Amino acid sequence: MSASCGVCERDLEFGYLCPGDILALAERLEQLPGLADALSGALAPAARPVTERVTTSGYGPSTPVNDSALELWYGGMATVLERWRSDIQSWKGWGEPVVEGSVEHRVRAACRWIGMNLEWIAAEYPSAGDLGKEVRELKSAALSILGDGRGGEGRGKLLGRCVNADASGAACGAPIRHREGEATLVCEWCHCVYRDEQDWLLLLHYQPKEPSDV
């Protein structure tokens, strides 16, 4: 009985994933733990709150988004992967997996387990294609925050973390990047505007440590 790949729909003699999509899924599973670690650093708020608000744009009040971003992105990554692991173990009759540890640990454990069972998944698991697509989406979602990882002009140079704070003193902490030719920097999360040299100096002054690229 002929079948087709659940990701690219290429004809198969048997199973649910073609060799190319098996390899692609394996590579993404290896990459996701590193992306989760990078997200943890990228979404962490700055260690020192600022005492004065930086000039903001007209998009409305600036609020910290770190908690919601953590839940939506790298927290969500762990939940999605664990849901797939749970379903696969149910198909194999192995019961529910044990979930414990930090989000980064949970992502690493789920990716490792799925990767170790990838041969069986590709051959026997009917939802293998949906798994492959969702893992691909997880990687794309992470890179939409971190950048494509290739450097280059499109991504820009990381200057530091946004120091704009809410009424409680919690800093935004989003990555602030400078692209060639830009004179004004705008935080993509809270829309804080760094308009001139004084604002740039304020940004650099309140960094908890020397910025490093993510």
C-alpha atoms as a PDB file:
ATOM      1  CA  MET A   1       0.000   0.000   0.000  1.00  0.00           C
ATOM      2  CA  SER A   2       1.478   3.330  -1.073  1.00  0.00           C
ATOM      3  CA  ALA A   3       1.546   6.353   1.219  1.00  0.00           C
ATOM      4  CA  SER A   4       2.776   9.930   1.154  1.00  0.00           C
ATOM      5  CA  CYS A   5       5.051  11.998   3.360  1.00  0.00           C
ATOM      6  CA  GLY A   6       3.088  13.900   5.970  1.00  0.00           C
ATOM      7  CA  VAL A   7       5.194  17.024   5.420  1.00  0.00           C
ATOM      8  CA  CYS A   8       6.047  17.316   1.712  1.00  0.00           C
ATOM      9  CA  GLU A   9       3.420  14.807   0.416  1.00  0.00           C
ATOM     10  CA  ARG A  10       6.043  12.938  -1.589  1.00  0.00           C
ATOM     11  CA  ASP A  11       5.016   9.374  -2.434  1.00  0.00           C
ATOM     12  CA  LEU A  12       6.362   6.710  -0.082  1.00  0.00           C
ATOM     13  CA  GLU A  13       6.398   2.936  -0.200  1.00  0.00           C
ATOM     14  CA  PHE A  14       5.650   2.835   3.504  1.00  0.00           C
ATOM     15  CA  GLY A  15       5.749   5.023   6.591  1.00  0.00           C
ATOM     16  CA  TYR A  16       4.812   8.626   7.203  1.00  0.00           C
ATOM     17  CA  LEU A  17       7.953  10.692   6.573  1.00  0.00           C
ATOM     18  CA  CYS A  18      10.352  10.796   3.630  1.00  0.00           C
ATOM     19  CA  PRO A  19      14.116  10.582   4.270  1.00  0.00           C
ATOM     20  CA  GLY A  20      14.570  14.306   3.676  1.00  0.00           C
ATOM     21  CA  ASP A  21      11.936  15.303   6.216  1.00  0.00           C
ATOM     22  CA  ILE A  22      13.234  12.758   8.725  1.00  0.00           C
ATOM     23  CA  LEU A  23      16.628  14.438   8.497  1.00  0.00           C
ATOM     24  CA  ALA A  24      15.093  17.930   8.698  1.00  0.00           C
ATOM     25  CA  LEU A  25      13.085  16.973  11.800  1.00  0.00           C
ATOM     26  CA  ALA A  26      16.151  15.449  13.441  1.00  0.00           C
ATOM     27  CA  GLU A  27      18.161  18.623  12.814  1.00  0.00           C
ATOM     28  CA  ARG A  28      15.417  20.865  14.219  1.00  0.00           C
ATOM     29  CA  LEU A  29      15.125  18.714  17.318  1.00  0.00           C
ATOM     30  CA  GLU A  30      18.855  19.197  17.858  1.00  0.00           C
ATOM     31  CA  GLN A  31      18.530  22.963  17.391  1.00  0.00           C
ATOM     32  CA  LEU A  32      15.494  23.669  19.580  1.00  0.00           C
ATOM     33  CA  PRO A  33      17.258  23.281  22.976  1.00  0.00           C
ATOM     34  CA  GLY A  34      19.832  25.882  21.959  1.00  0.00           C
ATOM     35  CA  LEU A  35      17.078  28.196  20.761  1.00  0.00           C
ATOM     36  CA  ALA A  36      15.247  27.745  24.067  1.00  0.00           C
ATOM     37  CA  ASP A  37      18.430  28.704  25.935  1.00  0.00           C
ATOM     38  CA  ALA A  38      18.857  31.769  23.712  1.00  0.00           C
ATOM     39  CA  LEU A  39      15.228  32.780  24.227  1.00  0.00           C
ATOM     40  CA  SER A  40      15.688  32.540  27.963  1.00  0.00           C
ATOM     41  CA  GLY A  41      18.509  35.063  27.758  1.00  0.00           C
ATOM     42  CA  ALA A  42      16.806  37.272  25.174  1.00  0.00           C
ATOM     43  CA  LEU A  43      13.564  37.537  27.132  1.00  0.00           C
ATOM     44  CA  ALA A  44      15.082  38.033  30.582  1.00  0.00           C
ATOM     45  CA  PRO A  45      14.520  41.542  31.929  1.00  0.00           C
ATOM     46  CA  ALA A  46      17.478  43.809  32.555  1.00  0.00           C
ATOM     47  CA  ALA A  47      18.963  43.316  36.000  1.00  0.00           C
ATOM     48  CA  ARG A  48      18.853  47.008  36.970  1.00  0.00           C
ATOM     49  CA  PRO A  49      15.658  49.075  36.603  1.00  0.00           C
ATOM     50  CA  VAL A  50      15.963  52.609  35.325  1.00  0.00           C
ATOM     51  CA  THR A  51      14.904  55.518  37.500  1.00  0.00           C
ATOM     52  CA  GLU A  52      13.621  57.631  34.618  1.00  0.00           C
ATOM     53  CA  ARG A  53      11.434  56.643  31.684  1.00  0.00           C
ATOM     54  CA  VAL A  54      12.938  57.008  28.240  1.00  0.00           C
ATOM     55  CA  THR A  55      10.924  58.919  25.654  1.00  0.00           C
ATOM     56  CA  THR A  56       8.257  56.670  24.155  1.00  0.00           C
ATOM     57  CA  SER A  57       6.420  56.771  20.860  1.00  0.00           C
ATOM     58  CA  GLY A  58       2.724  57.376  20.334  1.00  0.00           C
ATOM     59  CA  TYR A  59       1.767  53.689  20.360  1.00  0.00           C
ATOM     60  CA  GLY A  60       0.338  53.891  23.895  1.00  0.00           C
ATOM     61  CA  PRO A  61       1.748  53.205  27.371  1.00  0.00           C
ATOM     62  CA  SER A  62       4.871  51.099  27.587  1.00  0.00           C
ATOM     63  CA  THR A  63       4.503  47.880  29.555  1.00  0.00           C
ATOM     64  CA  PRO A  64       6.949  45.039  30.182  1.00  0.00           C
ATOM     65  CA  VAL A  65       6.169  42.008  28.055  1.00  0.00           C
ATOM     66  CA  ASN A  66       8.667  39.560  29.462  1.00  0.00           C
ATOM     67  CA  ASP A  67       6.207  37.376  31.378  1.00  0.00           C
ATOM     68  CA  SER A  68       3.819  36.932  28.460  1.00  0.00           C
ATOM     69  CA  ALA A  69       6.683  36.452  26.000  1.00  0.00           C
ATOM     70  CA  LEU A  70       8.263  33.779  28.160  1.00  0.00           C
ATOM     71  CA  GLU A  71       4.961  31.920  28.406  1.00  0.00           C
ATOM     72  CA  LEU A  72       4.125  32.255  24.728  1.00  0.00           C
ATOM     73  CA  TRP A  73       7.513  31.446  23.273  1.00  0.00           C
ATOM     74  CA  TYR A  74       9.995  29.340  25.158  1.00  0.00           C
ATOM     75  CA  GLY A  75       7.470  28.144  27.754  1.00  0.00           C
ATOM     76  CA  GLY A  76       5.126  27.200  24.918  1.00  0.00           C
ATOM     77  CA  MET A  77       7.931  25.338  23.190  1.00  0.00           C
ATOM     78  CA  ALA A  78       8.244  22.941  26.126  1.00  0.00           C
ATOM     79  CA  THR A  79       4.490  22.405  26.325  1.00  0.00           C
ATOM     80  CA  VAL A  80       4.137  21.617  22.623  1.00  0.00           C
ATOM     81  CA  LEU A  81       7.036  19.155  22.601  1.00  0.00           C
ATOM     82  CA  GLU A  82       5.792  17.415  25.743  1.00  0.00           C
ATOM     83  CA  ARG A  83       2.333  17.067  24.246  1.00  0.00           C
ATOM     84  CA  TRP A  84       3.822  15.303  21.231  1.00  0.00           C
ATOM     85  CA  ARG A  85       5.959  13.061  23.419  1.00  0.00           C
ATOM     86  CA  SER A  86       2.899  12.156  25.502  1.00  0.00           C
ATOM     87  CA  ASP A  87       0.893  11.229  22.399  1.00  0.00           C
ATOM     88  CA  ILE A  88       3.718   9.163  20.939  1.00  0.00           C
ATOM     89  CA  GLN A  89       4.203   7.289  24.215  1.00  0.00           C
ATOM     90  CA  SER A  90       0.458   6.632  24.296  1.00  0.00           C
ATOM     91  CA  TRP A  91       0.668   5.095  20.821  1.00  0.00           C
ATOM     92  CA  LYS A  92       3.548   2.944  21.994  1.00  0.00           C
ATOM     93  CA  GLY A  93       1.652   1.973  25.140  1.00  0.00           C
ATOM     94  CA  TRP A  94       4.272   3.413  27.473  1.00  0.00           C
ATOM     95  CA  GLY A  95       2.098   5.695  29.607  1.00  0.00           C
ATOM     96  CA  GLU A  96       2.639   9.366  30.416  1.00  0.00           C
ATOM     97  CA  PRO A  97       6.153  10.900  30.522  1.00  0.00           C
ATOM     98  CA  VAL A  98       7.487  12.508  33.678  1.00  0.00           C
ATOM     99  CA  VAL A  99       7.718  16.307  33.335  1.00  0.00           C
ATOM    100  CA  GLU A 100      10.163  18.072  35.632  1.00  0.00           C
ATOM    101  CA  GLY A 101      12.920  20.660  35.749  1.00  0.00           C
ATOM    102  CA  SER A 102      13.348  24.062  34.136  1.00  0.00           C
ATOM    103  CA  VAL A 103      11.790  24.961  30.814  1.00  0.00           C
ATOM    104  CA  GLU A 104      15.160  24.592  29.108  1.00  0.00           C
ATOM    105  CA  HIS A 105      15.601  21.137  30.648  1.00  0.00           C
ATOM    106  CA  ARG A 106      12.091  20.113  29.588  1.00  0.00           C
ATOM    107  CA  VAL A 107      12.723  21.197  25.998  1.00  0.00           C
ATOM    108  CA  ARG A 108      16.022  19.316  25.951  1.00  0.00           C
ATOM    109  CA  ALA A 109      14.493  16.153  27.433  1.00  0.00           C
ATOM    110  CA  ALA A 110      11.524  16.125  25.045  1.00  0.00           C
ATOM    111  CA  CYS A 111      13.708  16.761  21.987  1.00  0.00           C
ATOM    112  CA  ARG A 112      16.116  14.022  23.017  1.00  0.00           C
ATOM    113  CA  TRP A 113      13.336  11.488  23.545  1.00  0.00           C
ATOM    114  CA  ILE A 114      11.580  12.282  20.269  1.00  0.00           C
ATOM    115  CA  GLY A 115      14.887  12.191  18.415  1.00  0.00           C
ATOM    116  CA  MET A 116      15.804   8.809  19.869  1.00  0.00           C
ATOM    117  CA  ASN A 117      12.469   7.403  18.665  1.00  0.00           C
ATOM    118  CA  LEU A 118      12.465   9.120  15.289  1.00  0.00           C
ATOM    119  CA  GLU A 119      12.918   5.931  13.270  1.00  0.00           C
ATOM    120  CA  TRP A 120       9.793   4.422  14.836  1.00  0.00           C
ATOM    121  CA  ILE A 121       7.889   7.705  14.516  1.00  0.00           C
ATOM    122  CA  ALA A 122       8.641   7.989  10.798  1.00  0.00           C
ATOM    123  CA  ALA A 123       7.594   4.394  10.136  1.00  0.00           C
ATOM    124  CA  GLU A 124       4.698   3.831  12.543  1.00  0.00           C
ATOM    125  CA  TYR A 125       3.251   7.086  13.893  1.00  0.00           C
ATOM    126  CA  PRO A 126       0.339   8.391  11.772  1.00  0.00           C
ATOM    127  CA  SER A 127       0.742  11.981  13.008  1.00  0.00           C
ATOM    128  CA  ALA A 128       4.455  12.146  12.160  1.00  0.00           C
ATOM    129  CA  GLY A 129       3.807  14.748   9.483  1.00  0.00           C
ATOM    130  CA  ASP A 130       1.969  17.045  11.867  1.00  0.00           C
ATOM    131  CA  LEU A 131       4.809  16.615  14.364  1.00  0.00           C
ATOM    132  CA  GLY A 132       7.337  17.602  11.709  1.00  0.00           C
ATOM    133  CA  LYS A 133       5.330  20.671  10.710  1.00  0.00           C
ATOM    134  CA  GLU A 134       4.847  21.874  14.280  1.00  0.00           C
ATOM    135  CA  VAL A 135       8.515  21.449  15.158  1.00  0.00           C
ATOM    136  CA  ARG A 136       9.321  23.480  12.050  1.00  0.00           C
ATOM    137  CA  GLU A 137       6.888  26.174  13.237  1.00  0.00           C
ATOM    138  CA  LEU A 138       8.493  26.207  16.694  1.00  0.00           C
ATOM    139  CA  LYS A 139      11.892  26.879  15.189  1.00  0.00           C
ATOM    140  CA  SER A 140      10.483  29.635  12.960  1.00  0.00           C
ATOM    141  CA  ALA A 141       8.719  31.245  15.925  1.00  0.00           C
ATOM    142  CA  ALA A 142      11.929  31.266  17.965  1.00  0.00           C
ATOM    143  CA  LEU A 143      13.941  32.747  15.116  1.00  0.00           C
ATOM    144  CA  SER A 144      11.315  35.451  14.616  1.00  0.00           C
ATOM    145  CA  ILE A 145      12.431  36.781  18.019  1.00  0.00           C
ATOM    146  CA  LEU A 146      16.116  35.903  17.951  1.00  0.00           C
ATOM    147  CA  GLY A 147      16.808  36.690  14.311  1.00  0.00           C
ATOM    148  CA  ASP A 148      17.845  34.212  11.639  1.00  0.00           C
ATOM    149  CA  GLY A 149      21.197  33.464  13.263  1.00  0.00           C
ATOM    150  CA  ARG A 150      23.112  34.297  10.094  1.00  0.00           C
ATOM    151  CA  GLY A 151      24.176  37.793  11.079  1.00  0.00           C
ATOM    152  CA  GLY A 152      24.130  40.300   8.248  1.00  0.00           C
ATOM    153  CA  GLU A 153      22.664  43.728   7.765  1.00  0.00           C
ATOM    154  CA  GLY A 154      19.040  42.643   8.096  1.00  0.00           C
ATOM    155  CA  ARG A 155      19.483  41.597  11.687  1.00  0.00           C
ATOM    156  CA  GLY A 156      21.692  44.416  12.860  1.00  0.00           C
ATOM    157  CA  LYS A 157      24.210  44.709  15.669  1.00  0.00           C
ATOM    158  CA  LEU A 158      22.988  44.005  19.202  1.00  0.00           C
ATOM    159  CA  LEU A 159      23.533  47.087  21.373  1.00  0.00           C
ATOM    160  CA  GLY A 160      21.887  45.823  24.540  1.00  0.00           C
ATOM    161  CA  ARG A 161      18.513  45.250  26.200  1.00  0.00           C
ATOM    162  CA  CYS A 162      15.698  47.775  26.276  1.00  0.00           C
ATOM    163  CA  VAL A 163      15.828  49.662  29.590  1.00  0.00           C
ATOM    164  CA  ASN A 164      12.379  51.243  29.369  1.00  0.00           C
ATOM    165  CA  ALA A 165      10.499  50.533  32.612  1.00  0.00           C
ATOM    166  CA  ASP A 166       6.907  50.430  33.768  1.00  0.00           C
ATOM    167  CA  ALA A 167       5.527  52.033  36.942  1.00  0.00           C
ATOM    168  CA  SER A 168       6.876  49.162  39.068  1.00  0.00           C
ATOM    169  CA  GLY A 169      10.404  49.686  37.738  1.00  0.00           C
ATOM    170  CA  ALA A 170      10.479  46.439  35.704  1.00  0.00           C
ATOM    171  CA  ALA A 171      12.554  46.919  32.569  1.00  0.00           C
ATOM    172  CA  CYS A 172      11.373  45.624  29.187  1.00  0.00           C
ATOM    173  CA  GLY A 173      14.615  43.768  28.399  1.00  0.00           C
ATOM    174  CA  ALA A 174      13.983  43.198  24.681  1.00  0.00           C
ATOM    175  CA  PRO A 175      17.034  43.070  22.362  1.00  0.00           C
ATOM    176  CA  ILE A 176      17.847  46.470  20.821  1.00  0.00           C
ATOM    177  CA  ARG A 177      19.670  46.236  17.491  1.00  0.00           C
ATOM    178  CA  HIS A 178      21.195  48.857  15.251  1.00  0.00           C
ATOM    179  CA  ARG A 179      21.167  48.537  11.480  1.00  0.00           C
ATOM    180  CA  GLU A 180      23.470  50.540   9.276  1.00  0.00           C
ATOM    181  CA  GLY A 181      22.062  53.984   8.542  1.00  0.00           C
ATOM    182  CA  GLU A 182      19.574  54.063  11.438  1.00  0.00           C
ATOM    183  CA  ALA A 183      19.621  57.205  13.587  1.00  0.00           C
ATOM    184  CA  THR A 184      16.591  56.281  15.716  1.00  0.00           C
ATOM    185  CA  LEU A 185      16.084  52.943  17.457  1.00  0.00           C
ATOM    186  CA  VAL A 186      12.632  51.594  18.323  1.00  0.00           C
ATOM    187  CA  CYS A 187      12.020  48.638  20.633  1.00  0.00           C
ATOM    188  CA  GLU A 188       9.932  46.090  18.766  1.00  0.00           C
ATOM    189  CA  TRP A 189       8.176  45.009  21.969  1.00  0.00           C
ATOM    190  CA  CYS A 190       7.327  48.116  24.004  1.00  0.00           C
ATOM    191  CA  HIS A 191       7.864  50.715  21.212  1.00  0.00           C
ATOM    192  CA  CYS A 192      10.274  52.740  23.324  1.00  0.00           C
ATOM    193  CA  VAL A 193      12.126  55.195  21.082  1.00  0.00           C
ATOM    194  CA  TYR A 194      15.841  55.957  21.453  1.00  0.00           C
ATOM    195  CA  ARG A 195      16.026  59.171  19.451  1.00  0.00           C
ATOM    196  CA  ASP A 196      19.473  60.649  19.965  1.00  0.00           C
ATOM    197  CA  GLU A 197      22.916  60.230  21.479  1.00  0.00           C
ATOM    198  CA  GLN A 198      21.643  60.955  24.991  1.00  0.00           C
ATOM    199  CA  ASP A 199      19.089  58.141  24.757  1.00  0.00           C
ATOM    200  CA  TRP A 200      21.744  55.778  23.387  1.00  0.00           C
ATOM    201  CA  LEU A 201      24.044  56.600  26.297  1.00  0.00           C
ATOM    202  CA  LEU A 202      21.188  55.937  28.720  1.00  0.00           C
ATOM    203  CA  LEU A 203      20.592  52.574  27.049  1.00  0.00           C
ATOM    204  CA  LEU A 204      24.245  51.596  27.413  1.00  0.00           C
ATOM    205  CA  HIS A 205      24.551  52.958  30.955  1.00  0.00           C
ATOM    206  CA  TYR A 206      21.848  50.711  32.378  1.00  0.00           C
ATOM    207  CA  GLN A 207      22.957  47.469  30.752  1.00  0.00           C
ATOM    208  CA  PRO A 208      23.492  44.746  33.404  1.00  0.00           C
ATOM    209  CA  LYS A 209      26.525  43.468  31.513  1.00  0.00           C
ATOM    210  CA  GLU A 210      28.276  43.772  28.179  1.00  0.00           C
ATOM    211  CA  PRO A 211      25.782  42.745  25.480  1.00  0.00           C
ATOM    212  CA  SER A 212      26.516  39.622  23.508  1.00  0.00           C
ATOM    213  CA  ASP A 213      24.852  38.487  20.349  1.00  0.00           C
ATOM    214  CA  VAL A 214      22.078  35.919  20.619  1.00  0.00           C
END
